Amino acid sequence: MTMEAKPRKSQNGFIKAIVLIIIAISILIYFGLDVKGWISSPNVQAVISKIGTWVSWLWLNIIKEPALWIWNEIIIGILWEKVGVIVLEKIKG
């Protein structure tokens, strides 16, 4: 019995959203909309700034500690155990 890694539904949704955004921007450019000018407008810049503030707050207050723990304890820990030991053995000769 083999188990295949299937992407989770949330991953599919994220990828679809990115692809749809790229297609939508491409269509707008094709029909002559000045996307760069629109993004540079003060209203859009205010929204982008607000989103940046929210993302920063979210990172600092909610995501940072668990993400750093996962990075340090799991990812770096596993890499050091598996790869670091092999490298040290090769260095020793």
C-alpha atoms as a PDB file:
ATOM      1  CA  MET A   1       0.000   0.000   0.000  1.00  0.00           C
ATOM      2  CA  THR A   2       1.557   3.289  -1.070  1.00  0.00           C
ATOM      3  CA  MET A   3       0.679   6.642   0.298  1.00  0.00           C
ATOM      4  CA  GLU A   4       0.901   9.576  -2.062  1.00  0.00           C
ATOM      5  CA  ALA A   5       1.391  13.081  -0.763  1.00  0.00           C
ATOM      6  CA  LYS A   6      -1.620  15.073  -1.851  1.00  0.00           C
ATOM      7  CA  PRO A   7      -1.634  18.841  -1.512  1.00  0.00           C
ATOM      8  CA  ARG A   8      -4.043  20.014   1.133  1.00  0.00           C
ATOM      9  CA  LYS A   9      -7.124  21.856   0.034  1.00  0.00           C
ATOM     10  CA  SER A  10      -5.832  25.098   1.574  1.00  0.00           C
ATOM     11  CA  GLN A  11      -2.641  24.864  -0.501  1.00  0.00           C
ATOM     12  CA  ASN A  12      -4.676  24.374  -3.668  1.00  0.00           C
ATOM     13  CA  GLY A  13      -6.764  27.415  -2.821  1.00  0.00           C
ATOM     14  CA  PHE A  14      -3.684  29.579  -2.257  1.00  0.00           C
ATOM     15  CA  ILE A  15      -2.107  28.540  -5.548  1.00  0.00           C
ATOM     16  CA  LYS A  16      -5.395  29.111  -7.387  1.00  0.00           C
ATOM     17  CA  ALA A  17      -5.675  32.583  -5.866  1.00  0.00           C
ATOM     18  CA  ILE A  18      -2.155  33.514  -6.998  1.00  0.00           C
ATOM     19  CA  VAL A  19      -2.795  32.196 -10.517  1.00  0.00           C
ATOM     20  CA  LEU A  20      -6.116  34.059 -10.726  1.00  0.00           C
ATOM     21  CA  ILE A  21      -4.487  37.303  -9.574  1.00  0.00           C
ATOM     22  CA  ILE A  22      -1.770  36.949 -12.217  1.00  0.00           C
ATOM     23  CA  ILE A  23      -4.368  36.237 -14.916  1.00  0.00           C
ATOM     24  CA  ALA A  24      -6.524  39.184 -13.792  1.00  0.00           C
ATOM     25  CA  ILE A  25      -3.563  41.584 -13.853  1.00  0.00           C
ATOM     26  CA  SER A  26      -2.544  40.291 -17.272  1.00  0.00           C
ATOM     27  CA  ILE A  27      -6.055  40.879 -18.623  1.00  0.00           C
ATOM     28  CA  LEU A  28      -6.162  44.397 -17.172  1.00  0.00           C
ATOM     29  CA  ILE A  29      -2.802  45.223 -18.763  1.00  0.00           C
ATOM     30  CA  TYR A  30      -3.974  43.754 -22.072  1.00  0.00           C
ATOM     31  CA  PHE A  31      -7.011  46.046 -22.091  1.00  0.00           C
ATOM     32  CA  GLY A  32      -4.865  49.093 -21.394  1.00  0.00           C
ATOM     33  CA  LEU A  33      -5.347  49.708 -17.685  1.00  0.00           C
ATOM     34  CA  ASP A  34      -2.333  51.421 -16.151  1.00  0.00           C
ATOM     35  CA  VAL A  35      -1.786  48.922 -13.339  1.00  0.00           C
ATOM     36  CA  LYS A  36       1.425  50.618 -12.193  1.00  0.00           C
ATOM     37  CA  GLY A  37      -0.342  53.984 -11.981  1.00  0.00           C
ATOM     38  CA  TRP A  38      -3.282  52.432 -10.146  1.00  0.00           C
ATOM     39  CA  ILE A  39      -1.014  50.765  -7.595  1.00  0.00           C
ATOM     40  CA  SER A  40       0.845  54.074  -7.154  1.00  0.00           C
ATOM     41  CA  SER A  41      -2.362  55.983  -6.362  1.00  0.00           C
ATOM     42  CA  PRO A  42      -2.677  57.343  -2.799  1.00  0.00           C
ATOM     43  CA  ASN A  43      -5.782  55.273  -1.991  1.00  0.00           C
ATOM     44  CA  VAL A  44      -4.157  51.995  -2.984  1.00  0.00           C
ATOM     45  CA  GLN A  45      -0.945  52.960  -1.194  1.00  0.00           C
ATOM     46  CA  ALA A  46      -2.974  53.605   1.978  1.00  0.00           C
ATOM     47  CA  VAL A  47      -4.542  50.138   1.730  1.00  0.00           C
ATOM     48  CA  ILE A  48      -1.159  48.516   1.090  1.00  0.00           C
ATOM     49  CA  SER A  49       0.283  50.379   4.082  1.00  0.00           C
ATOM     50  CA  LYS A  50      -2.595  49.227   6.304  1.00  0.00           C
ATOM     51  CA  ILE A  51      -2.142  45.619   5.163  1.00  0.00           C
ATOM     52  CA  GLY A  52       1.593  45.900   5.909  1.00  0.00           C
ATOM     53  CA  THR A  53       0.783  47.153   9.404  1.00  0.00           C
ATOM     54  CA  TRP A  54      -1.603  44.252   9.994  1.00  0.00           C
ATOM     55  CA  VAL A  55       0.882  41.678   8.697  1.00  0.00           C
ATOM     56  CA  SER A  56       3.608  43.149  10.899  1.00  0.00           C
ATOM     57  CA  TRP A  57       1.338  43.064  13.961  1.00  0.00           C
ATOM     58  CA  LEU A  58       0.279  39.496  13.131  1.00  0.00           C
ATOM     59  CA  TRP A  59       3.912  38.388  12.818  1.00  0.00           C
ATOM     60  CA  LEU A  60       5.108  40.099  15.974  1.00  0.00           C
ATOM     61  CA  ASN A  61       2.185  39.141  18.212  1.00  0.00           C
ATOM     62  CA  ILE A  62       1.025  35.746  16.976  1.00  0.00           C
ATOM     63  CA  ILE A  63       3.206  33.995  14.401  1.00  0.00           C
ATOM     64  CA  LYS A  64       6.795  34.859  15.379  1.00  0.00           C
ATOM     65  CA  GLU A  65       7.245  32.694  18.484  1.00  0.00           C
ATOM     66  CA  PRO A  66       5.779  29.460  17.052  1.00  0.00           C
ATOM     67  CA  ALA A  67       7.532  30.001  13.716  1.00  0.00           C
ATOM     68  CA  LEU A  68      10.907  30.534  15.373  1.00  0.00           C
ATOM     69  CA  TRP A  69      10.387  27.505  17.616  1.00  0.00           C
ATOM     70  CA  ILE A  70       9.534  25.350  14.585  1.00  0.00           C
ATOM     71  CA  TRP A  71      12.560  26.722  12.714  1.00  0.00           C
ATOM     72  CA  ASN A  72      15.045  26.300  15.559  1.00  0.00           C
ATOM     73  CA  GLU A  73      13.825  23.091  17.173  1.00  0.00           C
ATOM     74  CA  ILE A  74      12.481  21.108  14.250  1.00  0.00           C
ATOM     75  CA  ILE A  75      14.032  22.279  10.990  1.00  0.00           C
ATOM     76  CA  ILE A  76      17.499  23.234  12.245  1.00  0.00           C
ATOM     77  CA  GLY A  77      17.434  20.405  14.790  1.00  0.00           C
ATOM     78  CA  ILE A  78      16.733  17.791  12.143  1.00  0.00           C
ATOM     79  CA  LEU A  79      19.237  19.250   9.695  1.00  0.00           C
ATOM     80  CA  TRP A  80      21.956  19.379  12.345  1.00  0.00           C
ATOM     81  CA  GLU A  81      21.297  15.812  13.432  1.00  0.00           C
ATOM     82  CA  LYS A  82      21.265  14.440   9.900  1.00  0.00           C
ATOM     83  CA  VAL A  83      23.567  16.670   7.863  1.00  0.00           C
ATOM     84  CA  GLY A  84      25.777  18.258  10.535  1.00  0.00           C
ATOM     85  CA  VAL A  85      26.974  14.922  11.872  1.00  0.00           C
ATOM     86  CA  ILE A  86      27.840  13.685   8.367  1.00  0.00           C
ATOM     87  CA  VAL A  87      29.768  16.881   7.613  1.00  0.00           C
ATOM     88  CA  LEU A  88      31.687  16.699  10.889  1.00  0.00           C
ATOM     89  CA  GLU A  89      32.583  13.056  10.238  1.00  0.00           C
ATOM     90  CA  LYS A  90      33.910  13.947   6.766  1.00  0.00           C
ATOM     91  CA  ILE A  91      35.922  16.839   8.192  1.00  0.00           C
ATOM     92  CA  LYS A  92      37.507  14.562  10.817  1.00  0.00           C
ATOM     93  CA  GLY A  93      38.533  12.235   8.054  1.00  0.00           C
END
